[in-house]
Amino acid sequence: MKVIKVTLDTSVLPRTRMAAIIESARGLPIEFATVYVTHREARGTPFELPAKLVLDTMVLGESELGAAVLGSDEHGSILDSLLSVISDRSFPKRGSRNKLSRGREHQLRDALILLAHRRENRDIFVTEDKKGFINGSRREALERLCCTRIMTVEEFGDFGDSLRISST
């Protein structure tokens, strides 16, 4: 069975959620990773992060030097599409993003996490952020844009159970 590459969103870092995810994956060929954005957001917290680290796609004024890779024009277009879906088409257009509100900064970071997940051809994105990634048909639109599957912690647990059943 091939290794399944799973990216964890910042929203799954609390200890109880991480314990459920790790238990769901026990004995399965799963590689966990977080994106550097999540590492920045977790600074100063007690969260333990998986060993694999996926670098951000560079966004001036947001990314840290040495922790991001240059993206292509295609990545810029995908980022704009992700922002449109996550924000329900209300995110400011390029050129008018100088001073983002705290909520808009959160949406930008959500999009950067998912963009890095896509850029690295990872298989499953696990999140508890239903407003940003799941509700209102966002899940389906984001899955199409990123050629991936988006799951909640509970859905990931069911996925792990189904893998165990199918391998016996």
N, C-alpha and C. Protein backbone atom coordinates (compact mmCIF):
# COMPACT_ATOMS: atom_id res chain seq x y z
N MET A 1 0.86 -1.18 0.00
CA MET A 1 0.00 0.00 0.00
C MET A 1 0.90 1.24 0.00
N LYS A 2 0.57 2.22 -0.84
CA LYS A 2 1.39 3.43 -0.90
C LYS A 2 1.21 4.28 0.36
N VAL A 3 2.20 5.09 0.62
CA VAL A 3 2.13 6.00 1.77
C VAL A 3 1.13 7.11 1.45
N ILE A 4 0.24 7.36 2.37
CA ILE A 4 -0.77 8.41 2.22
C ILE A 4 -0.23 9.65 2.92
N LYS A 5 -0.12 10.74 2.16
CA LYS A 5 0.45 11.98 2.70
C LYS A 5 -0.68 12.88 3.20
N VAL A 6 -0.67 13.09 4.52
CA VAL A 6 -1.73 13.84 5.19
C VAL A 6 -1.17 15.15 5.73
N THR A 7 -1.83 16.25 5.40
CA THR A 7 -1.46 17.56 5.93
C THR A 7 -2.47 17.94 7.01
N LEU A 8 -1.95 18.39 8.15
CA LEU A 8 -2.80 18.78 9.27
C LEU A 8 -2.93 20.29 9.33
N ASP A 9 -4.17 20.76 9.38
CA ASP A 9 -4.45 22.19 9.53
C ASP A 9 -4.19 22.60 10.98
N THR A 10 -3.98 23.87 11.19
CA THR A 10 -3.75 24.40 12.53
C THR A 10 -4.90 24.05 13.48
N SER A 11 -6.12 23.97 12.96
CA SER A 11 -7.29 23.72 13.80
C SER A 11 -7.31 22.34 14.45
N VAL A 12 -6.43 21.42 14.03
CA VAL A 12 -6.43 20.08 14.62
C VAL A 12 -5.34 19.89 15.66
N LEU A 13 -4.63 20.95 16.01
CA LEU A 13 -3.51 20.83 16.92
C LEU A 13 -3.86 20.59 18.39
N PRO A 14 -5.01 21.01 18.91
CA PRO A 14 -5.27 20.71 20.32
C PRO A 14 -5.09 19.23 20.62
N ARG A 15 -4.56 18.95 21.79
CA ARG A 15 -4.14 17.59 22.18
C ARG A 15 -5.20 16.51 21.92
N THR A 16 -6.47 16.78 22.23
CA THR A 16 -7.49 15.75 22.05
C THR A 16 -7.68 15.42 20.57
N ARG A 17 -7.63 16.42 19.72
CA ARG A 17 -7.78 16.16 18.28
C ARG A 17 -6.58 15.42 17.74
N MET A 18 -5.37 15.84 18.14
CA MET A 18 -4.16 15.16 17.68
C MET A 18 -4.15 13.70 18.13
N ALA A 19 -4.59 13.45 19.36
CA ALA A 19 -4.62 12.07 19.87
C ALA A 19 -5.55 11.22 19.01
N ALA A 20 -6.70 11.77 18.63
CA ALA A 20 -7.65 11.04 17.79
C ALA A 20 -7.05 10.76 16.41
N ILE A 21 -6.34 11.73 15.85
CA ILE A 21 -5.74 11.55 14.54
C ILE A 21 -4.64 10.48 14.59
N ILE A 22 -3.80 10.56 15.57
CA ILE A 22 -2.69 9.59 15.69
C ILE A 22 -3.25 8.19 15.90
N GLU A 23 -4.28 8.07 16.71
CA GLU A 23 -4.89 6.76 16.94
C GLU A 23 -5.51 6.22 15.65
N SER A 24 -6.15 7.09 14.87
CA SER A 24 -6.77 6.67 13.61
C SER A 24 -5.74 6.12 12.63
N ALA A 25 -4.51 6.62 12.71
CA ALA A 25 -3.47 6.25 11.76
C ALA A 25 -2.58 5.11 12.24
N ARG A 26 -2.75 4.69 13.47
CA ARG A 26 -1.85 3.67 14.05
C ARG A 26 -1.78 2.44 13.14
N GLY A 27 -0.55 2.08 12.75
CA GLY A 27 -0.32 0.91 11.93
C GLY A 27 -0.59 1.08 10.45
N LEU A 28 -0.99 2.27 10.04
CA LEU A 28 -1.28 2.52 8.62
C LEU A 28 -0.12 3.28 7.98
N PRO A 29 0.04 3.15 6.67
CA PRO A 29 1.13 3.84 5.97
C PRO A 29 0.78 5.32 5.73
N ILE A 30 0.85 6.10 6.79
CA ILE A 30 0.46 7.51 6.72
C ILE A 30 1.62 8.38 7.18
N GLU A 31 1.89 9.41 6.39
CA GLU A 31 2.92 10.40 6.72
C GLU A 31 2.21 11.72 7.03
N PHE A 32 2.38 12.22 8.25
CA PHE A 32 1.78 13.49 8.63
C PHE A 32 2.75 14.63 8.40
N ALA A 33 2.18 15.79 8.07
CA ALA A 33 2.98 17.01 7.93
C ALA A 33 2.12 18.20 8.28
N THR A 34 2.80 19.28 8.62
CA THR A 34 2.15 20.58 8.74
C THR A 34 2.90 21.54 7.83
N VAL A 35 2.25 22.63 7.51
CA VAL A 35 2.84 23.67 6.68
C VAL A 35 3.49 24.69 7.60
N TYR A 36 4.53 25.35 7.13
CA TYR A 36 5.26 26.30 7.97
C TYR A 36 4.34 27.35 8.58
N VAL A 37 3.28 27.74 7.88
CA VAL A 37 2.31 28.70 8.43
C VAL A 37 1.81 28.20 9.78
N THR A 38 1.52 26.91 9.88
CA THR A 38 1.04 26.33 11.13
C THR A 38 2.10 26.42 12.22
N HIS A 39 3.36 26.21 11.85
CA HIS A 39 4.44 26.33 12.84
C HIS A 39 4.50 27.76 13.38
N ARG A 40 4.31 28.75 12.51
CA ARG A 40 4.31 30.14 12.98
C ARG A 40 3.14 30.39 13.91
N GLU A 41 1.97 29.87 13.56
CA GLU A 41 0.78 30.09 14.38
C GLU A 41 0.87 29.37 15.72
N ALA A 42 1.65 28.28 15.79
CA ALA A 42 1.75 27.49 17.02
C ALA A 42 2.88 27.94 17.95
N ARG A 43 3.67 28.93 17.52
CA ARG A 43 4.76 29.40 18.38
C ARG A 43 4.21 29.84 19.74
N GLY A 44 4.91 29.42 20.79
CA GLY A 44 4.52 29.82 22.13
C GLY A 44 3.37 29.02 22.70
N THR A 45 2.94 27.97 21.99
CA THR A 45 1.86 27.11 22.49
C THR A 45 2.44 25.75 22.85
N PRO A 46 1.68 24.94 23.57
CA PRO A 46 2.19 23.61 23.94
C PRO A 46 1.97 22.55 22.86
N PHE A 47 1.48 22.94 21.66
CA PHE A 47 1.16 21.95 20.64
C PHE A 47 2.41 21.25 20.14
N GLU A 48 2.30 19.93 19.99
CA GLU A 48 3.36 19.15 19.40
C GLU A 48 3.04 18.97 17.92
N LEU A 49 4.01 19.26 17.08
CA LEU A 49 3.76 19.19 15.65
C LEU A 49 4.47 17.99 15.04
N PRO A 50 3.87 17.40 14.00
CA PRO A 50 4.53 16.28 13.32
C PRO A 50 5.90 16.70 12.78
N ALA A 51 6.78 15.74 12.58
CA ALA A 51 8.15 16.02 12.17
C ALA A 51 8.25 16.60 10.77
N LYS A 52 7.43 16.15 9.83
CA LYS A 52 7.53 16.61 8.44
C LYS A 52 7.03 18.04 8.35
N LEU A 53 7.78 18.86 7.66
CA LEU A 53 7.42 20.27 7.50
C LEU A 53 7.35 20.61 6.02
N VAL A 54 6.26 21.20 5.60
CA VAL A 54 6.08 21.66 4.23
C VAL A 54 6.23 23.17 4.23
N LEU A 55 7.11 23.69 3.38
CA LEU A 55 7.35 25.13 3.34
C LEU A 55 6.18 25.85 2.69
N ASP A 56 5.99 27.11 3.09
CA ASP A 56 4.97 27.98 2.50
C ASP A 56 5.33 28.27 1.04
N THR A 57 4.36 28.77 0.31
CA THR A 57 4.62 29.38 -0.99
C THR A 57 4.76 30.87 -0.69
N MET A 58 5.84 31.49 -1.16
CA MET A 58 6.19 32.87 -0.79
C MET A 58 5.09 33.87 -1.12
N VAL A 59 4.72 34.64 -0.12
CA VAL A 59 3.84 35.80 -0.27
C VAL A 59 4.52 36.94 0.45
N LEU A 60 4.88 37.98 -0.30
CA LEU A 60 5.58 39.12 0.30
C LEU A 60 4.74 39.73 1.40
N GLY A 61 5.39 40.03 2.51
CA GLY A 61 4.71 40.63 3.65
C GLY A 61 4.04 39.62 4.56
N GLU A 62 4.03 38.36 4.17
CA GLU A 62 3.40 37.32 4.97
C GLU A 62 4.40 36.21 5.30
N SER A 63 5.11 35.72 4.31
CA SER A 63 6.02 34.59 4.50
C SER A 63 7.32 35.04 5.16
N GLU A 64 7.98 34.09 5.83
CA GLU A 64 9.28 34.35 6.42
C GLU A 64 10.37 33.87 5.47
N LEU A 65 11.41 34.68 5.31
CA LEU A 65 12.51 34.28 4.45
C LEU A 65 13.15 33.01 4.98
N GLY A 66 13.49 32.12 4.08
CA GLY A 66 14.09 30.85 4.46
C GLY A 66 13.07 29.78 4.81
N ALA A 67 11.80 30.15 4.88
CA ALA A 67 10.76 29.19 5.23
C ALA A 67 9.68 29.12 4.14
N ALA A 68 10.03 29.60 2.95
CA ALA A 68 9.06 29.60 1.86
C ALA A 68 9.79 29.35 0.54
N VAL A 69 9.04 28.85 -0.41
CA VAL A 69 9.58 28.62 -1.74
C VAL A 69 8.87 29.53 -2.73
N LEU A 70 9.56 29.84 -3.81
CA LEU A 70 8.94 30.67 -4.84
C LEU A 70 7.88 29.85 -5.57
N GLY A 71 6.75 30.46 -5.79
CA GLY A 71 5.68 29.81 -6.53
C GLY A 71 5.71 30.26 -7.98
N SER A 72 4.93 29.60 -8.78
CA SER A 72 4.82 29.94 -10.19
C SER A 72 3.62 30.87 -10.40
N ASP A 73 3.44 31.35 -11.63
CA ASP A 73 2.25 32.13 -11.95
C ASP A 73 0.99 31.31 -11.67
N GLU A 74 1.08 30.00 -11.96
CA GLU A 74 -0.05 29.11 -11.70
C GLU A 74 -0.40 29.10 -10.21
N HIS A 75 0.63 29.08 -9.35
CA HIS A 75 0.37 29.09 -7.91
C HIS A 75 -0.33 30.38 -7.48
N GLY A 76 0.05 31.51 -8.10
CA GLY A 76 -0.62 32.77 -7.79
C GLY A 76 -2.09 32.73 -8.17
N SER A 77 -2.39 32.15 -9.33
CA SER A 77 -3.79 32.02 -9.75
C SER A 77 -4.56 31.08 -8.84
N ILE A 78 -3.92 29.98 -8.45
CA ILE A 78 -4.58 29.04 -7.55
C ILE A 78 -4.84 29.70 -6.20
N LEU A 79 -3.85 30.46 -5.69
CA LEU A 79 -4.04 31.16 -4.42
C LEU A 79 -5.25 32.10 -4.50
N ASP A 80 -5.37 32.84 -5.60
CA ASP A 80 -6.52 33.74 -5.76
C ASP A 80 -7.83 32.95 -5.75
N SER A 81 -7.84 31.79 -6.42
CA SER A 81 -9.05 30.95 -6.45
C SER A 81 -9.37 30.41 -5.06
N LEU A 82 -8.35 29.96 -4.34
CA LEU A 82 -8.56 29.46 -2.98
C LEU A 82 -9.13 30.55 -2.08
N LEU A 83 -8.55 31.74 -2.17
CA LEU A 83 -9.04 32.87 -1.37
C LEU A 83 -10.49 33.19 -1.70
N SER A 84 -10.84 33.11 -2.96
CA SER A 84 -12.21 33.39 -3.38
C SER A 84 -13.18 32.38 -2.75
N VAL A 85 -12.82 31.11 -2.77
CA VAL A 85 -13.70 30.08 -2.20
C VAL A 85 -13.77 30.22 -0.68
N ILE A 86 -12.61 30.32 -0.03
CA ILE A 86 -12.57 30.38 1.44
C ILE A 86 -13.33 31.59 1.97
N SER A 87 -13.24 32.72 1.25
CA SER A 87 -13.88 33.96 1.71
C SER A 87 -15.29 34.16 1.14
N ASP A 88 -15.78 33.17 0.41
CA ASP A 88 -17.08 33.30 -0.26
C ASP A 88 -17.06 34.51 -1.21
N ARG A 89 -16.00 34.61 -1.96
CA ARG A 89 -15.77 35.64 -3.00
C ARG A 89 -15.70 37.07 -2.46
N SER A 90 -15.28 37.23 -1.20
CA SER A 90 -15.22 38.59 -0.64
C SER A 90 -13.80 39.04 -0.31
N PHE A 91 -12.78 38.23 -0.64
CA PHE A 91 -11.40 38.61 -0.32
C PHE A 91 -10.94 39.71 -1.27
N PRO A 92 -10.22 40.72 -0.76
CA PRO A 92 -9.75 41.81 -1.64
C PRO A 92 -8.86 41.28 -2.77
N LYS A 93 -8.97 41.90 -3.92
CA LYS A 93 -8.16 41.52 -5.09
C LYS A 93 -6.71 41.91 -4.88
N ARG A 94 -5.82 41.29 -5.67
CA ARG A 94 -4.40 41.65 -5.63
C ARG A 94 -4.26 43.15 -5.86
N GLY A 95 -3.34 43.75 -5.15
CA GLY A 95 -3.11 45.20 -5.27
C GLY A 95 -3.88 46.00 -4.24
N SER A 96 -4.88 45.39 -3.62
CA SER A 96 -5.63 46.11 -2.58
C SER A 96 -5.65 45.32 -1.28
N ARG A 97 -4.55 44.61 -1.03
CA ARG A 97 -4.45 43.77 0.17
C ARG A 97 -3.45 44.33 1.18
N ASN A 98 -3.17 45.63 1.13
CA ASN A 98 -2.13 46.22 1.97
C ASN A 98 -2.39 45.99 3.45
N LYS A 99 -3.54 46.31 3.92
CA LYS A 99 -3.86 46.26 5.35
C LYS A 99 -5.03 45.32 5.55
N LEU A 100 -4.74 44.05 5.79
CA LEU A 100 -5.80 43.07 5.98
C LEU A 100 -6.25 43.04 7.43
N SER A 101 -7.55 42.85 7.62
CA SER A 101 -8.08 42.68 8.97
C SER A 101 -7.58 41.34 9.53
N ARG A 102 -7.75 41.15 10.81
CA ARG A 102 -7.32 39.88 11.44
C ARG A 102 -8.02 38.68 10.79
N GLY A 103 -9.31 38.83 10.49
CA GLY A 103 -10.07 37.76 9.85
C GLY A 103 -9.54 37.45 8.45
N ARG A 104 -9.21 38.50 7.70
CA ARG A 104 -8.67 38.32 6.35
C ARG A 104 -7.28 37.69 6.40
N GLU A 105 -6.47 38.07 7.40
CA GLU A 105 -5.16 37.43 7.56
C GLU A 105 -5.33 35.94 7.81
N HIS A 106 -6.32 35.58 8.60
CA HIS A 106 -6.61 34.17 8.87
C HIS A 106 -6.99 33.45 7.57
N GLN A 107 -7.82 34.08 6.75
CA GLN A 107 -8.22 33.48 5.47
C GLN A 107 -7.01 33.31 4.54
N LEU A 108 -6.12 34.31 4.52
CA LEU A 108 -4.91 34.21 3.70
C LEU A 108 -4.06 33.04 4.17
N ARG A 109 -3.90 32.89 5.46
CA ARG A 109 -3.09 31.78 5.99
C ARG A 109 -3.75 30.43 5.71
N ASP A 110 -5.07 30.37 5.79
CA ASP A 110 -5.77 29.13 5.41
C ASP A 110 -5.47 28.77 3.96
N ALA A 111 -5.55 29.76 3.09
CA ALA A 111 -5.29 29.52 1.66
C ALA A 111 -3.84 29.11 1.43
N LEU A 112 -2.90 29.72 2.17
CA LEU A 112 -1.48 29.36 2.02
C LEU A 112 -1.22 27.92 2.46
N ILE A 113 -1.88 27.49 3.53
CA ILE A 113 -1.72 26.11 3.99
C ILE A 113 -2.21 25.14 2.92
N LEU A 114 -3.38 25.42 2.38
CA LEU A 114 -3.94 24.53 1.37
C LEU A 114 -3.14 24.60 0.06
N LEU A 115 -2.62 25.76 -0.29
CA LEU A 115 -1.78 25.88 -1.49
C LEU A 115 -0.51 25.04 -1.36
N ALA A 116 0.13 25.10 -0.21
CA ALA A 116 1.34 24.29 0.01
C ALA A 116 1.00 22.81 -0.05
N HIS A 117 -0.12 22.44 0.52
CA HIS A 117 -0.60 21.05 0.47
C HIS A 117 -0.73 20.61 -1.00
N ARG A 118 -1.34 21.44 -1.81
CA ARG A 118 -1.53 21.12 -3.24
C ARG A 118 -0.20 21.09 -3.97
N ARG A 119 0.62 22.09 -3.73
CA ARG A 119 1.91 22.20 -4.41
C ARG A 119 2.76 20.95 -4.20
N GLU A 120 2.66 20.35 -3.01
CA GLU A 120 3.44 19.16 -2.67
C GLU A 120 2.72 17.86 -3.01
N ASN A 121 1.57 17.96 -3.70
CA ASN A 121 0.81 16.78 -4.13
C ASN A 121 0.47 15.84 -2.97
N ARG A 122 0.00 16.43 -1.88
CA ARG A 122 -0.37 15.63 -0.72
C ARG A 122 -1.79 15.12 -0.91
N ASP A 123 -2.15 14.06 -0.21
CA ASP A 123 -3.38 13.33 -0.48
C ASP A 123 -4.61 13.78 0.30
N ILE A 124 -4.44 14.04 1.59
CA ILE A 124 -5.59 14.35 2.46
C ILE A 124 -5.25 15.55 3.32
N PHE A 125 -6.20 16.47 3.43
CA PHE A 125 -6.07 17.65 4.28
C PHE A 125 -7.07 17.49 5.41
N VAL A 126 -6.59 17.45 6.66
CA VAL A 126 -7.47 17.25 7.82
C VAL A 126 -7.62 18.58 8.55
N THR A 127 -8.87 18.98 8.76
CA THR A 127 -9.17 20.27 9.37
C THR A 127 -10.44 20.18 10.22
N GLU A 128 -10.53 21.05 11.18
CA GLU A 128 -11.78 21.23 11.92
C GLU A 128 -12.38 22.61 11.60
N ASP A 129 -11.78 23.32 10.67
CA ASP A 129 -12.25 24.65 10.28
C ASP A 129 -13.34 24.49 9.21
N LYS A 130 -14.53 24.20 9.67
CA LYS A 130 -15.64 23.94 8.75
C LYS A 130 -16.05 25.19 8.00
N LYS A 131 -15.99 26.34 8.66
CA LYS A 131 -16.38 27.60 8.00
C LYS A 131 -15.48 27.89 6.81
N GLY A 132 -14.17 27.69 6.96
CA GLY A 132 -13.25 28.02 5.89
C GLY A 132 -13.11 26.97 4.81
N PHE A 133 -13.23 25.68 5.19
CA PHE A 133 -12.89 24.62 4.25
C PHE A 133 -14.02 23.66 3.87
N ILE A 134 -15.15 23.69 4.59
CA ILE A 134 -16.15 22.64 4.36
C ILE A 134 -17.54 23.18 4.05
N ASN A 135 -18.05 24.08 4.87
CA ASN A 135 -19.44 24.54 4.75
C ASN A 135 -19.73 25.22 3.41
N GLY A 136 -21.01 25.23 3.06
CA GLY A 136 -21.46 25.95 1.87
C GLY A 136 -20.82 25.48 0.58
N SER A 137 -20.62 24.21 0.42
CA SER A 137 -19.99 23.57 -0.75
C SER A 137 -18.53 23.98 -0.96
N ARG A 138 -17.92 24.57 0.07
CA ARG A 138 -16.49 24.92 -0.03
C ARG A 138 -15.64 23.65 -0.22
N ARG A 139 -15.97 22.61 0.54
CA ARG A 139 -15.17 21.39 0.46
C ARG A 139 -15.05 20.91 -0.99
N GLU A 140 -16.16 20.79 -1.67
CA GLU A 140 -16.15 20.27 -3.03
C GLU A 140 -15.33 21.18 -3.96
N ALA A 141 -15.51 22.48 -3.84
CA ALA A 141 -14.77 23.42 -4.69
C ALA A 141 -13.27 23.35 -4.41
N LEU A 142 -12.89 23.30 -3.13
CA LEU A 142 -11.48 23.25 -2.76
C LEU A 142 -10.85 21.91 -3.14
N GLU A 143 -11.60 20.83 -3.01
CA GLU A 143 -11.08 19.53 -3.42
C GLU A 143 -10.79 19.51 -4.92
N ARG A 144 -11.67 20.11 -5.71
CA ARG A 144 -11.43 20.18 -7.16
C ARG A 144 -10.19 21.02 -7.46
N LEU A 145 -10.08 22.18 -6.83
CA LEU A 145 -8.94 23.08 -7.07
C LEU A 145 -7.61 22.45 -6.67
N CYS A 146 -7.64 21.64 -5.63
CA CYS A 146 -6.39 21.11 -5.08
C CYS A 146 -6.15 19.63 -5.37
N CYS A 147 -7.07 19.00 -6.10
CA CYS A 147 -6.92 17.58 -6.42
C CYS A 147 -6.62 16.78 -5.15
N THR A 148 -7.45 16.94 -4.14
CA THR A 148 -7.20 16.34 -2.83
C THR A 148 -8.51 15.96 -2.18
N ARG A 149 -8.42 15.39 -1.00
CA ARG A 149 -9.59 15.12 -0.16
C ARG A 149 -9.46 15.96 1.10
N ILE A 150 -10.56 16.53 1.54
CA ILE A 150 -10.60 17.32 2.77
C ILE A 150 -11.50 16.59 3.75
N MET A 151 -10.97 16.37 4.97
CA MET A 151 -11.71 15.61 5.98
C MET A 151 -11.64 16.30 7.33
N THR A 152 -12.67 16.07 8.13
CA THR A 152 -12.62 16.46 9.54
C THR A 152 -11.87 15.35 10.29
N VAL A 153 -11.58 15.59 11.56
CA VAL A 153 -10.92 14.57 12.38
C VAL A 153 -11.77 13.30 12.43
N GLU A 154 -13.07 13.44 12.63
CA GLU A 154 -13.97 12.29 12.69
C GLU A 154 -13.97 11.53 11.36
N GLU A 155 -14.04 12.24 10.25
CA GLU A 155 -14.02 11.59 8.94
C GLU A 155 -12.70 10.87 8.70
N PHE A 156 -11.61 11.46 9.17
CA PHE A 156 -10.31 10.82 9.03
C PHE A 156 -10.28 9.52 9.84
N GLY A 157 -10.89 9.54 11.01
CA GLY A 157 -10.98 8.32 11.81
C GLY A 157 -11.75 7.23 11.08
N ASP A 158 -12.86 7.60 10.45
CA ASP A 158 -13.63 6.63 9.66
C ASP A 158 -12.81 6.12 8.48
N PHE A 159 -12.04 7.00 7.86
CA PHE A 159 -11.17 6.63 6.75
C PHE A 159 -10.14 5.60 7.21
N GLY A 160 -9.51 5.85 8.34
CA GLY A 160 -8.54 4.89 8.90
C GLY A 160 -9.18 3.53 9.16
N ASP A 161 -10.39 3.55 9.72
CA ASP A 161 -11.11 2.30 9.98
C ASP A 161 -11.37 1.55 8.67
N SER A 162 -11.78 2.27 7.63
CA SER A 162 -12.07 1.62 6.35
C SER A 162 -10.80 1.04 5.73
N LEU A 163 -9.67 1.71 5.90
CA LEU A 163 -8.41 1.16 5.39
C LEU A 163 -8.05 -0.14 6.11
N ARG A 164 -8.27 -0.17 7.41
CA ARG A 164 -7.97 -1.39 8.18
C ARG A 164 -8.85 -2.55 7.71
N ILE A 165 -10.14 -2.26 7.50
CA ILE A 165 -11.09 -3.30 7.08
C ILE A 165 -10.71 -3.82 5.69
N SER A 166 -10.38 -2.92 4.78
CA SER A 166 -10.08 -3.35 3.40
C SER A 166 -8.75 -4.10 3.30
N SER A 167 -7.85 -3.91 4.27
CA SER A 167 -6.56 -4.59 4.20
C SER A 167 -6.57 -5.95 4.89
N THR A 168 -7.72 -6.34 5.48
CA THR A 168 -7.78 -7.65 6.13
C THR A 168 -8.43 -8.69 5.24
